[in-house]
Amino acid sequence: MPHVTFVHGIANKPPKDQLLDNWKYYLSAGGLDLDANDVSCSMVYWADVMYPEPEADASSFESDSGDVGTVSEDDDLSWIDDVPRKERAFVDSLRQRLRFDVESPGNDEYVAEIPMEPSSEEQSPIPFEAVPLPWFIKRRAMKRLLKDVYYYLFNKPWKHATSGNEVLVRDHIRELFINQLAADAAGNDGAHVVVGHSMGTVISYDCLKHVDACVPVTAYMTVGSPLGISEVHDNFAGYDRRDAFPAEKLGGGWVNVYDRLDPVAFDARLANDYQRERTKVIIDEKVKNSGTWRHSSWKYFGQEVLCEHLINMLEL
């Protein structure tokens, strides 16, 4: 039986089973009904490491502002004061690149006009100021991305939000991923595909490339990924763009799906940054999500072209 292992991204999430059902529902809307095609699936769920309670309002699931709060709330950046000097350059550089400190030309609700699409396929990142999303939502998303990426890449200690135990973030989440992947692979003789969204792509790529205990998979899909940001990939151990493809654990292809106005997929195209033996092999697939919050996983999964790629990966 074919199997998909999903990995979610930044911000709080609904309970694990509900999140998985949500993703299956929107894939079905895009043309891939996993149950009808006898495809099993699972979720690498790590939101409970950072959040003591799951997202309560299911109707707000990754809506335009549902999982990033309200104007009156703001994320605390006091953790940056405790960043060691040797790691401060990373935080300062990524903070400058994400540009959430830029002052709004209007107010927190200010929304920029949708920019013109570039004519060239060599697309440079769309600057923070030009992303047509309420200012406070962009700022909140970028702050959470900065924190999640830093705590993961530098394996920082964190008090587990539900257990209360202190864990090393990367070690703990790596264990969640490799254990889920191993359980999914046991007794499965069909195609095994990993699909990561947002920060889930950083976690899944890191494990596939750097963790010996990680079981091999058939194919890989990244969705709304921040892996193209130089501060991210340059901080993977031994990173070399000419041979960054996780060939030892990935037997088949890698498809990267992105929206140009997704603020988390800042430098969205990955083929040049994760080559296989100096050759570009990743398929970078551009889509256009609806509305303003283009990073929503359910908007991506409702895309017909994403489902077509996943159907091919699952050998259906």
C-alpha atoms as a PDB file:
ATOM      1  CA  MET A   1       0.000   0.000   0.000  1.00  0.00           C
ATOM      2  CA  PRO A   2       1.409   3.467  -0.856  1.00  0.00           C
ATOM      3  CA  HIS A   3       1.960   5.799   2.081  1.00  0.00           C
ATOM      4  CA  VAL A   4       2.403   9.538   2.630  1.00  0.00           C
ATOM      5  CA  THR A   5       4.208  10.899   5.687  1.00  0.00           C
ATOM      6  CA  PHE A   6       3.239  14.535   6.217  1.00  0.00           C
ATOM      7  CA  VAL A   7       5.196  17.107   8.263  1.00  0.00           C
ATOM      8  CA  HIS A   8       3.497  20.366   9.269  1.00  0.00           C
ATOM      9  CA  GLY A   9       5.031  23.824   9.549  1.00  0.00           C
ATOM     10  CA  ILE A  10       5.154  26.979  11.667  1.00  0.00           C
ATOM     11  CA  ALA A  11       2.586  28.237  14.176  1.00  0.00           C
ATOM     12  CA  ASN A  12       0.030  26.366  16.259  1.00  0.00           C
ATOM     13  CA  LYS A  13      -2.094  23.653  14.688  1.00  0.00           C
ATOM     14  CA  PRO A  14      -5.351  21.772  15.330  1.00  0.00           C
ATOM     15  CA  PRO A  15      -5.036  18.370  17.069  1.00  0.00           C
ATOM     16  CA  LYS A  16      -2.983  15.836  15.119  1.00  0.00           C
ATOM     17  CA  ASP A  17      -5.844  13.700  13.796  1.00  0.00           C
ATOM     18  CA  GLN A  18      -7.873  16.742  12.829  1.00  0.00           C
ATOM     19  CA  LEU A  19      -4.909  18.305  11.025  1.00  0.00           C
ATOM     20  CA  LEU A  20      -4.386  15.089   9.076  1.00  0.00           C
ATOM     21  CA  ASP A  21      -8.077  14.955   8.152  1.00  0.00           C
ATOM     22  CA  ASN A  22      -7.904  18.592   7.010  1.00  0.00           C
ATOM     23  CA  TRP A  23      -4.976  17.894   4.717  1.00  0.00           C
ATOM     24  CA  LYS A  24      -6.664  14.800   3.273  1.00  0.00           C
ATOM     25  CA  TYR A  25      -9.841  16.789   2.649  1.00  0.00           C
ATOM     26  CA  TYR A  26      -8.085  19.506   0.665  1.00  0.00           C
ATOM     27  CA  LEU A  27      -6.022  17.013  -1.305  1.00  0.00           C
ATOM     28  CA  SER A  28      -9.305  15.380  -2.257  1.00  0.00           C
ATOM     29  CA  ALA A  29     -10.608  18.778  -3.379  1.00  0.00           C
ATOM     30  CA  GLY A  30      -7.522  19.101  -5.559  1.00  0.00           C
ATOM     31  CA  GLY A  31      -8.091  15.734  -7.189  1.00  0.00           C
ATOM     32  CA  LEU A  32      -6.398  13.151  -4.948  1.00  0.00           C
ATOM     33  CA  ASP A  33      -8.588  11.146  -2.574  1.00  0.00           C
ATOM     34  CA  LEU A  34      -6.079   9.165  -0.517  1.00  0.00           C
ATOM     35  CA  ASP A  35      -8.676   6.844   1.029  1.00  0.00           C
ATOM     36  CA  ALA A  36     -10.337   6.049  -2.300  1.00  0.00           C
ATOM     37  CA  ASN A  37      -6.931   5.159  -3.739  1.00  0.00           C
ATOM     38  CA  ASP A  38      -5.974   2.978  -0.751  1.00  0.00           C
ATOM     39  CA  VAL A  39      -3.152   5.313   0.256  1.00  0.00           C
ATOM     40  CA  SER A  40      -2.375   5.377   3.964  1.00  0.00           C
ATOM     41  CA  CYS A  41      -0.958   8.493   5.607  1.00  0.00           C
ATOM     42  CA  SER A  42       0.407   9.848   8.866  1.00  0.00           C
ATOM     43  CA  MET A  43       1.508  13.160  10.389  1.00  0.00           C
ATOM     44  CA  VAL A  44       4.792  14.100  12.047  1.00  0.00           C
ATOM     45  CA  TYR A  45       3.254  16.392  14.648  1.00  0.00           C
ATOM     46  CA  TRP A  46       5.491  18.740  16.612  1.00  0.00           C
ATOM     47  CA  ALA A  47       3.180  21.694  17.379  1.00  0.00           C
ATOM     48  CA  ASP A  48       2.729  20.388  20.938  1.00  0.00           C
ATOM     49  CA  VAL A  49       6.447  20.953  21.547  1.00  0.00           C
ATOM     50  CA  MET A  50       5.887  24.718  21.247  1.00  0.00           C
ATOM     51  CA  TYR A  51       2.192  25.147  22.170  1.00  0.00           C
ATOM     52  CA  PRO A  52       0.460  23.749  25.287  1.00  0.00           C
ATOM     53  CA  GLU A  53      -2.980  23.618  23.643  1.00  0.00           C
ATOM     54  CA  PRO A  54      -3.854  22.916  19.989  1.00  0.00           C
ATOM     55  CA  GLU A  55      -5.621  25.469  17.816  1.00  0.00           C
ATOM     56  CA  ALA A  56      -9.172  25.494  19.201  1.00  0.00           C
ATOM     57  CA  ASP A  57     -11.113  27.065  16.344  1.00  0.00           C
ATOM     58  CA  ALA A  58     -11.130  24.572  13.519  1.00  0.00           C
ATOM     59  CA  SER A  59     -12.844  27.059  11.226  1.00  0.00           C
ATOM     60  CA  SER A  60      -9.811  29.342  11.422  1.00  0.00           C
ATOM     61  CA  PHE A  61      -7.411  26.616  10.330  1.00  0.00           C
ATOM     62  CA  GLU A  62      -4.710  28.524   8.475  1.00  0.00           C
ATOM     63  CA  SER A  63      -7.196  31.124   7.310  1.00  0.00           C
ATOM     64  CA  ASP A  64      -5.981  34.631   6.523  1.00  0.00           C
ATOM     65  CA  SER A  65      -5.239  35.354  10.159  1.00  0.00           C
ATOM     66  CA  GLY A  66      -6.452  32.327  12.065  1.00  0.00           C
ATOM     67  CA  ASP A  67      -3.151  30.824  13.158  1.00  0.00           C
ATOM     68  CA  VAL A  68      -1.153  34.025  13.587  1.00  0.00           C
ATOM     69  CA  GLY A  69      -3.299  35.859  16.119  1.00  0.00           C
ATOM     70  CA  THR A  70      -4.677  39.394  16.097  1.00  0.00           C
ATOM     71  CA  VAL A  71      -3.286  42.912  15.883  1.00  0.00           C
ATOM     72  CA  SER A  72      -3.499  43.294  19.663  1.00  0.00           C
ATOM     73  CA  GLU A  73      -1.205  40.309  20.189  1.00  0.00           C
ATOM     74  CA  ASP A  74       2.461  40.167  19.305  1.00  0.00           C
ATOM     75  CA  ASP A  75       5.229  37.621  19.576  1.00  0.00           C
ATOM     76  CA  ASP A  76       7.850  38.147  22.260  1.00  0.00           C
ATOM     77  CA  LEU A  77      11.365  38.534  20.835  1.00  0.00           C
ATOM     78  CA  SER A  78      13.090  38.759  24.212  1.00  0.00           C
ATOM     79  CA  TRP A  79      14.645  35.319  23.528  1.00  0.00           C
ATOM     80  CA  ILE A  80      17.042  37.072  21.134  1.00  0.00           C
ATOM     81  CA  ASP A  81      18.709  38.785  24.110  1.00  0.00           C
ATOM     82  CA  ASP A  82      19.958  35.376  25.277  1.00  0.00           C
ATOM     83  CA  VAL A  83      21.369  34.259  21.925  1.00  0.00           C
ATOM     84  CA  PRO A  84      25.121  33.503  22.294  1.00  0.00           C
ATOM     85  CA  ARG A  85      27.461  35.826  20.430  1.00  0.00           C
ATOM     86  CA  LYS A  86      28.610  33.120  18.004  1.00  0.00           C
ATOM     87  CA  GLU A  87      24.998  32.549  16.940  1.00  0.00           C
ATOM     88  CA  ARG A  88      23.918  36.187  16.937  1.00  0.00           C
ATOM     89  CA  ALA A  89      25.210  36.769  13.392  1.00  0.00           C
ATOM     90  CA  PHE A  90      22.749  34.147  12.120  1.00  0.00           C
ATOM     91  CA  VAL A  91      19.809  35.700  13.964  1.00  0.00           C
ATOM     92  CA  ASP A  92      20.707  39.246  12.908  1.00  0.00           C
ATOM     93  CA  SER A  93      21.245  38.238   9.282  1.00  0.00           C
ATOM     94  CA  LEU A  94      17.982  36.295   8.998  1.00  0.00           C
ATOM     95  CA  ARG A  95      16.099  39.009  10.845  1.00  0.00           C
ATOM     96  CA  GLN A  96      17.371  41.561   8.345  1.00  0.00           C
ATOM     97  CA  ARG A  97      16.498  39.330   5.393  1.00  0.00           C
ATOM     98  CA  LEU A  98      12.948  38.660   6.648  1.00  0.00           C
ATOM     99  CA  ARG A  99      12.566  42.422   7.245  1.00  0.00           C
ATOM    100  CA  PHE A 100       9.757  42.234   9.782  1.00  0.00           C
ATOM    101  CA  ASP A 101      11.253  45.290  11.519  1.00  0.00           C
ATOM    102  CA  VAL A 102      10.393  47.456   8.501  1.00  0.00           C
ATOM    103  CA  GLU A 103       7.943  50.194   9.469  1.00  0.00           C
ATOM    104  CA  SER A 104       4.549  49.994   7.826  1.00  0.00           C
ATOM    105  CA  PRO A 105       3.721  52.830   5.404  1.00  0.00           C
ATOM    106  CA  GLY A 106       0.211  52.804   6.859  1.00  0.00           C
ATOM    107  CA  ASN A 107      -0.789  50.854   9.963  1.00  0.00           C
ATOM    108  CA  ASP A 108      -0.824  47.242  11.153  1.00  0.00           C
ATOM    109  CA  GLU A 109      -3.708  46.497   8.796  1.00  0.00           C
ATOM    110  CA  TYR A 110      -1.949  48.025   5.772  1.00  0.00           C
ATOM    111  CA  VAL A 111      -1.937  45.742   2.720  1.00  0.00           C
ATOM    112  CA  ALA A 112       0.360  46.394  -0.237  1.00  0.00           C
ATOM    113  CA  GLU A 113      -0.969  46.166  -3.774  1.00  0.00           C
ATOM    114  CA  ILE A 114      -0.308  42.869  -5.546  1.00  0.00           C
ATOM    115  CA  PRO A 115       3.015  43.288  -7.397  1.00  0.00           C
ATOM    116  CA  MET A 116       3.473  42.541 -11.060  1.00  0.00           C
ATOM    117  CA  GLU A 117       4.642  39.016 -11.800  1.00  0.00           C
ATOM    118  CA  PRO A 118       8.202  38.979 -13.186  1.00  0.00           C
ATOM    119  CA  SER A 119       8.503  37.847 -16.791  1.00  0.00           C
ATOM    120  CA  SER A 120      11.762  35.974 -16.258  1.00  0.00           C
ATOM    121  CA  GLU A 121      11.961  32.462 -14.834  1.00  0.00           C
ATOM    122  CA  GLU A 122      14.998  33.644 -12.861  1.00  0.00           C
ATOM    123  CA  GLN A 123      12.815  35.098 -10.163  1.00  0.00           C
ATOM    124  CA  SER A 124      14.286  37.102  -7.320  1.00  0.00           C
ATOM    125  CA  PRO A 125      12.435  37.059  -3.985  1.00  0.00           C
ATOM    126  CA  ILE A 126       9.515  39.443  -3.603  1.00  0.00           C
ATOM    127  CA  PRO A 127      10.431  41.895  -0.818  1.00  0.00           C
ATOM    128  CA  PHE A 128       8.544  41.845   2.464  1.00  0.00           C
ATOM    129  CA  GLU A 129       7.017  45.261   1.774  1.00  0.00           C
ATOM    130  CA  ALA A 130       5.444  44.070  -1.492  1.00  0.00           C
ATOM    131  CA  VAL A 131       3.705  40.926  -0.188  1.00  0.00           C
ATOM    132  CA  PRO A 132      -0.039  41.745  -0.279  1.00  0.00           C
ATOM    133  CA  LEU A 133      -0.852  40.681   3.267  1.00  0.00           C
ATOM    134  CA  PRO A 134      -1.833  42.706   6.352  1.00  0.00           C
ATOM    135  CA  TRP A 135       1.356  44.027   7.915  1.00  0.00           C
ATOM    136  CA  PHE A 136       0.836  42.437  11.324  1.00  0.00           C
ATOM    137  CA  ILE A 137       0.302  38.980   9.790  1.00  0.00           C
ATOM    138  CA  LYS A 138       3.527  39.226   7.792  1.00  0.00           C
ATOM    139  CA  ARG A 139       5.440  40.381  10.868  1.00  0.00           C
ATOM    140  CA  ARG A 140       3.983  37.592  13.016  1.00  0.00           C
ATOM    141  CA  ALA A 141       4.737  34.879  10.463  1.00  0.00           C
ATOM    142  CA  MET A 142       8.318  36.063   9.977  1.00  0.00           C
ATOM    143  CA  LYS A 143       8.931  36.256  13.734  1.00  0.00           C
ATOM    144  CA  ARG A 144       7.719  32.693  14.189  1.00  0.00           C
ATOM    145  CA  LEU A 145       9.791  31.481  11.262  1.00  0.00           C
ATOM    146  CA  LEU A 146      12.896  33.130  12.730  1.00  0.00           C
ATOM    147  CA  LYS A 147      12.359  31.505  16.117  1.00  0.00           C
ATOM    148  CA  ASP A 148      11.472  28.046  14.803  1.00  0.00           C
ATOM    149  CA  VAL A 149      14.427  27.957  12.405  1.00  0.00           C
ATOM    150  CA  TYR A 150      16.893  29.205  15.016  1.00  0.00           C
ATOM    151  CA  TYR A 151      15.814  26.802  17.749  1.00  0.00           C
ATOM    152  CA  TYR A 152      15.897  23.897  15.303  1.00  0.00           C
ATOM    153  CA  LEU A 153      19.133  24.573  13.415  1.00  0.00           C
ATOM    154  CA  PHE A 154      21.094  25.360  16.572  1.00  0.00           C
ATOM    155  CA  ASN A 155      19.464  22.573  18.621  1.00  0.00           C
ATOM    156  CA  LYS A 156      18.505  24.888  21.459  1.00  0.00           C
ATOM    157  CA  PRO A 157      16.926  23.714  24.727  1.00  0.00           C
ATOM    158  CA  TRP A 158      13.188  24.301  25.103  1.00  0.00           C
ATOM    159  CA  LYS A 159      10.682  23.447  27.806  1.00  0.00           C
ATOM    160  CA  HIS A 160       8.277  21.084  26.067  1.00  0.00           C
ATOM    161  CA  ALA A 161       4.929  22.884  26.128  1.00  0.00           C
ATOM    162  CA  THR A 162       2.850  19.811  26.991  1.00  0.00           C
ATOM    163  CA  SER A 163       5.177  17.555  29.011  1.00  0.00           C
ATOM    164  CA  GLY A 164       7.089  20.309  30.785  1.00  0.00           C
ATOM    165  CA  ASN A 165      10.367  18.466  30.201  1.00  0.00           C
ATOM    166  CA  GLU A 166      13.332  20.296  28.725  1.00  0.00           C
ATOM    167  CA  VAL A 167      14.293  18.991  25.297  1.00  0.00           C
ATOM    168  CA  LEU A 168      16.843  19.888  22.660  1.00  0.00           C
ATOM    169  CA  VAL A 169      14.618  21.032  19.825  1.00  0.00           C
ATOM    170  CA  ARG A 170      16.396  19.496  16.829  1.00  0.00           C
ATOM    171  CA  ASP A 171      17.192  16.219  18.580  1.00  0.00           C
ATOM    172  CA  HIS A 172      13.616  15.865  19.815  1.00  0.00           C
ATOM    173  CA  ILE A 173      11.917  16.680  16.520  1.00  0.00           C
ATOM    174  CA  ARG A 174      14.384  14.527  14.579  1.00  0.00           C
ATOM    175  CA  GLU A 175      13.378  11.626  16.816  1.00  0.00           C
ATOM    176  CA  LEU A 176       9.691  12.293  16.147  1.00  0.00           C
ATOM    177  CA  PHE A 177      10.361  12.274  12.406  1.00  0.00           C
ATOM    178  CA  ILE A 178      12.579   9.193  12.160  1.00  0.00           C
ATOM    179  CA  ASN A 179      10.329   7.160  14.475  1.00  0.00           C
ATOM    180  CA  GLN A 180       7.225   8.047  12.452  1.00  0.00           C
ATOM    181  CA  LEU A 181       9.018   7.308   9.191  1.00  0.00           C
ATOM    182  CA  ALA A 182      10.232   3.933  10.455  1.00  0.00           C
ATOM    183  CA  ALA A 183       6.747   2.993  11.667  1.00  0.00           C
ATOM    184  CA  ASP A 184       5.293   3.997   8.305  1.00  0.00           C
ATOM    185  CA  ALA A 185       7.876   1.975   6.375  1.00  0.00           C
ATOM    186  CA  ALA A 186       7.434  -1.209   8.431  1.00  0.00           C
ATOM    187  CA  GLY A 187       5.622  -3.798   6.341  1.00  0.00           C
ATOM    188  CA  ASN A 188       4.903  -1.286   3.564  1.00  0.00           C
ATOM    189  CA  ASP A 189       5.847  -2.514   0.095  1.00  0.00           C
ATOM    190  CA  GLY A 190       4.363   0.432  -1.815  1.00  0.00           C
ATOM    191  CA  ALA A 191       5.709   3.880  -2.647  1.00  0.00           C
ATOM    192  CA  HIS A 192       6.568   5.968   0.409  1.00  0.00           C
ATOM    193  CA  VAL A 193       6.430   9.754  -0.075  1.00  0.00           C
ATOM    194  CA  VAL A 194       7.343  12.486   2.415  1.00  0.00           C
ATOM    195  CA  VAL A 195       5.418  15.762   2.063  1.00  0.00           C
ATOM    196  CA  GLY A 196       6.617  18.693   4.153  1.00  0.00           C
ATOM    197  CA  HIS A 197       5.002  22.113   4.432  1.00  0.00           C
ATOM    198  CA  SER A 198       6.740  25.275   5.638  1.00  0.00           C
ATOM    199  CA  MET A 199       9.122  24.533   8.555  1.00  0.00           C
ATOM    200  CA  GLY A 200       8.264  20.875   8.002  1.00  0.00           C
ATOM    201  CA  THR A 201      10.483  21.000   4.921  1.00  0.00           C
ATOM    202  CA  VAL A 202      13.475  22.078   7.010  1.00  0.00           C
ATOM    203  CA  ILE A 203      12.854  19.190   9.417  1.00  0.00           C
ATOM    204  CA  SER A 204      12.292  16.555   6.741  1.00  0.00           C
ATOM    205  CA  TYR A 205      15.222  17.634   4.564  1.00  0.00           C
ATOM    206  CA  ASP A 206      17.564  17.725   7.556  1.00  0.00           C
ATOM    207  CA  CYS A 207      16.594  14.188   8.556  1.00  0.00           C
ATOM    208  CA  LEU A 208      16.790  12.779   5.029  1.00  0.00           C
ATOM    209  CA  LYS A 209      20.202  14.341   4.469  1.00  0.00           C
ATOM    210  CA  HIS A 210      21.893  14.146   7.855  1.00  0.00           C
ATOM    211  CA  VAL A 211      20.375  11.408  10.035  1.00  0.00           C
ATOM    212  CA  ASP A 212      21.814   7.943   9.386  1.00  0.00           C
ATOM    213  CA  ALA A 213      18.916   6.247  11.213  1.00  0.00           C
ATOM    214  CA  CYS A 214      16.378   7.764   8.814  1.00  0.00           C
ATOM    215  CA  VAL A 215      14.817   5.110   6.570  1.00  0.00           C
ATOM    216  CA  PRO A 216      14.915   5.695   2.781  1.00  0.00           C
ATOM    217  CA  VAL A 217      11.832   6.985   0.976  1.00  0.00           C
ATOM    218  CA  THR A 218      10.597   6.810  -2.590  1.00  0.00           C
ATOM    219  CA  ALA A 219       9.957  10.501  -3.275  1.00  0.00           C
ATOM    220  CA  TYR A 220       9.842  13.892  -1.618  1.00  0.00           C
ATOM    221  CA  MET A 221       7.634  16.981  -1.921  1.00  0.00           C
ATOM    222  CA  THR A 222       8.317  20.367  -0.328  1.00  0.00           C
ATOM    223  CA  VAL A 223       5.486  22.901  -0.140  1.00  0.00           C
ATOM    224  CA  GLY A 224       5.819  26.594   0.760  1.00  0.00           C
ATOM    225  CA  SER A 225       9.410  25.961   1.812  1.00  0.00           C
ATOM    226  CA  PRO A 226      11.976  28.308   3.392  1.00  0.00           C
ATOM    227  CA  LEU A 227      14.829  25.968   2.344  1.00  0.00           C
ATOM    228  CA  GLY A 228      15.957  28.453  -0.310  1.00  0.00           C
ATOM    229  CA  ILE A 229      16.928  31.075   2.283  1.00  0.00           C
ATOM    230  CA  SER A 230      20.729  31.179   2.439  1.00  0.00           C
ATOM    231  CA  GLU A 231      20.798  31.566   6.233  1.00  0.00           C
ATOM    232  CA  VAL A 232      18.894  28.273   6.420  1.00  0.00           C
ATOM    233  CA  HIS A 233      20.807  26.052   3.993  1.00  0.00           C
ATOM    234  CA  ASP A 234      24.218  27.527   4.882  1.00  0.00           C
ATOM    235  CA  ASN A 235      23.707  26.311   8.448  1.00  0.00           C
ATOM    236  CA  PHE A 236      23.176  22.660   7.513  1.00  0.00           C
ATOM    237  CA  ALA A 237      26.296  20.660   8.344  1.00  0.00           C
ATOM    238  CA  GLY A 238      28.553  20.307   5.322  1.00  0.00           C
ATOM    239  CA  TYR A 239      26.173  22.116   2.983  1.00  0.00           C
ATOM    240  CA  ASP A 240      27.380  22.288  -0.622  1.00  0.00           C
ATOM    241  CA  ARG A 241      24.754  23.273  -3.194  1.00  0.00           C
ATOM    242  CA  ARG A 242      26.497  21.109  -5.821  1.00  0.00           C
ATOM    243  CA  ASP A 243      25.640  17.926  -3.930  1.00  0.00           C
ATOM    244  CA  ALA A 244      22.977  18.880  -1.398  1.00  0.00           C
ATOM    245  CA  PHE A 245      20.353  16.462  -2.750  1.00  0.00           C
ATOM    246  CA  PRO A 246      19.678  13.750  -0.094  1.00  0.00           C
ATOM    247  CA  ALA A 247      20.502  10.926  -2.519  1.00  0.00           C
ATOM    248  CA  GLU A 248      21.293   8.281   0.105  1.00  0.00           C
ATOM    249  CA  LYS A 249      17.771   8.418   1.549  1.00  0.00           C
ATOM    250  CA  LEU A 250      15.773   9.628  -1.441  1.00  0.00           C
ATOM    251  CA  GLY A 251      15.485   7.063  -4.192  1.00  0.00           C
ATOM    252  CA  GLY A 252      13.265   9.080  -6.519  1.00  0.00           C
ATOM    253  CA  GLY A 253      12.380  12.649  -7.349  1.00  0.00           C
ATOM    254  CA  TRP A 254      11.890  15.860  -5.407  1.00  0.00           C
ATOM    255  CA  VAL A 255       9.114  18.293  -6.351  1.00  0.00           C
ATOM    256  CA  ASN A 256       9.034  21.741  -4.772  1.00  0.00           C
ATOM    257  CA  VAL A 257       5.699  23.593  -4.941  1.00  0.00           C
ATOM    258  CA  TYR A 258       5.650  27.320  -4.249  1.00  0.00           C
ATOM    259  CA  ASP A 259       3.602  30.486  -4.578  1.00  0.00           C
ATOM    260  CA  ARG A 260       5.547  33.656  -5.419  1.00  0.00           C
ATOM    261  CA  LEU A 261       3.537  35.636  -2.846  1.00  0.00           C
ATOM    262  CA  ASP A 262       4.063  33.150  -0.020  1.00  0.00           C
ATOM    263  CA  PRO A 263       6.138  35.135   2.513  1.00  0.00           C
ATOM    264  CA  VAL A 264       7.609  31.992   4.099  1.00  0.00           C
ATOM    265  CA  ALA A 265       8.800  30.569   0.778  1.00  0.00           C
ATOM    266  CA  PHE A 266      10.960  33.663   0.570  1.00  0.00           C
ATOM    267  CA  ASP A 267      13.486  32.371  -1.970  1.00  0.00           C
ATOM    268  CA  ALA A 268      11.137  29.827  -3.432  1.00  0.00           C
ATOM    269  CA  ARG A 269      13.022  27.950  -6.177  1.00  0.00           C
ATOM    270  CA  LEU A 270      15.251  25.169  -4.834  1.00  0.00           C
ATOM    271  CA  ALA A 271      16.749  23.396  -7.870  1.00  0.00           C
ATOM    272  CA  ASN A 272      19.945  25.442  -7.847  1.00  0.00           C
ATOM    273  CA  ASP A 273      20.486  25.165  -4.087  1.00  0.00           C
ATOM    274  CA  TYR A 274      20.038  21.377  -3.765  1.00  0.00           C
ATOM    275  CA  GLN A 275      21.768  19.874  -6.791  1.00  0.00           C
ATOM    276  CA  ARG A 276      22.585  16.213  -7.293  1.00  0.00           C
ATOM    277  CA  GLU A 277      26.197  15.747  -8.390  1.00  0.00           C
ATOM    278  CA  ARG A 278      26.279  19.292  -9.821  1.00  0.00           C
ATOM    279  CA  THR A 279      23.030  18.751 -11.725  1.00  0.00           C
ATOM    280  CA  LYS A 280      19.690  20.494 -11.119  1.00  0.00           C
ATOM    281  CA  VAL A 281      17.139  17.738 -10.609  1.00  0.00           C
ATOM    282  CA  ILE A 282      14.420  19.267  -8.419  1.00  0.00           C
ATOM    283  CA  ILE A 283      11.176  20.208 -10.171  1.00  0.00           C
ATOM    284  CA  ASP A 284      10.199  23.713  -9.015  1.00  0.00           C
ATOM    285  CA  GLU A 285       6.449  23.975  -9.575  1.00  0.00           C
ATOM    286  CA  LYS A 286       4.875  27.417  -9.312  1.00  0.00           C
ATOM    287  CA  VAL A 287       1.221  27.738  -8.282  1.00  0.00           C
ATOM    288  CA  LYS A 288      -1.063  30.662  -7.509  1.00  0.00           C
ATOM    289  CA  ASN A 289      -3.008  30.312  -4.283  1.00  0.00           C
ATOM    290  CA  SER A 290      -6.151  32.300  -3.594  1.00  0.00           C
ATOM    291  CA  GLY A 291      -6.615  35.165  -1.156  1.00  0.00           C
ATOM    292  CA  THR A 292      -3.929  36.992   0.783  1.00  0.00           C
ATOM    293  CA  TRP A 293      -2.420  34.365   3.109  1.00  0.00           C
ATOM    294  CA  ARG A 294      -0.744  32.340   0.362  1.00  0.00           C
ATOM    295  CA  HIS A 295       1.217  30.165   2.807  1.00  0.00           C
ATOM    296  CA  SER A 296      -1.806  28.100   3.906  1.00  0.00           C
ATOM    297  CA  SER A 297      -1.168  24.393   3.469  1.00  0.00           C
ATOM    298  CA  TRP A 298      -4.794  23.751   2.526  1.00  0.00           C
ATOM    299  CA  LYS A 299      -4.556  26.229  -0.356  1.00  0.00           C
ATOM    300  CA  TYR A 300      -1.502  24.432  -1.679  1.00  0.00           C
ATOM    301  CA  PHE A 301      -3.070  20.983  -1.289  1.00  0.00           C
ATOM    302  CA  GLY A 302      -6.121  22.085  -3.223  1.00  0.00           C
ATOM    303  CA  GLN A 303      -3.939  22.779  -6.263  1.00  0.00           C
ATOM    304  CA  GLU A 304      -4.548  20.300  -9.063  1.00  0.00           C
ATOM    305  CA  VAL A 305      -0.925  20.345 -10.240  1.00  0.00           C
ATOM    306  CA  LEU A 306       0.337  19.473  -6.739  1.00  0.00           C
ATOM    307  CA  CYS A 307      -2.047  16.516  -6.628  1.00  0.00           C
ATOM    308  CA  GLU A 308      -0.905  15.380 -10.078  1.00  0.00           C
ATOM    309  CA  HIS A 309       2.706  15.310  -8.927  1.00  0.00           C
ATOM    310  CA  LEU A 310       1.762  13.410  -5.784  1.00  0.00           C
ATOM    311  CA  ILE A 311      -0.268  10.882  -7.795  1.00  0.00           C
ATOM    312  CA  ASN A 312       2.810  10.213  -9.935  1.00  0.00           C
ATOM    313  CA  MET A 313       5.037   9.908  -6.862  1.00  0.00           C
ATOM    314  CA  LEU A 314       2.648   7.388  -5.304  1.00  0.00           C
ATOM    315  CA  GLU A 315       2.603   5.415  -8.574  1.00  0.00           C
ATOM    316  CA  LEU A 316      -1.186   5.428  -8.684  1.00  0.00           C
END
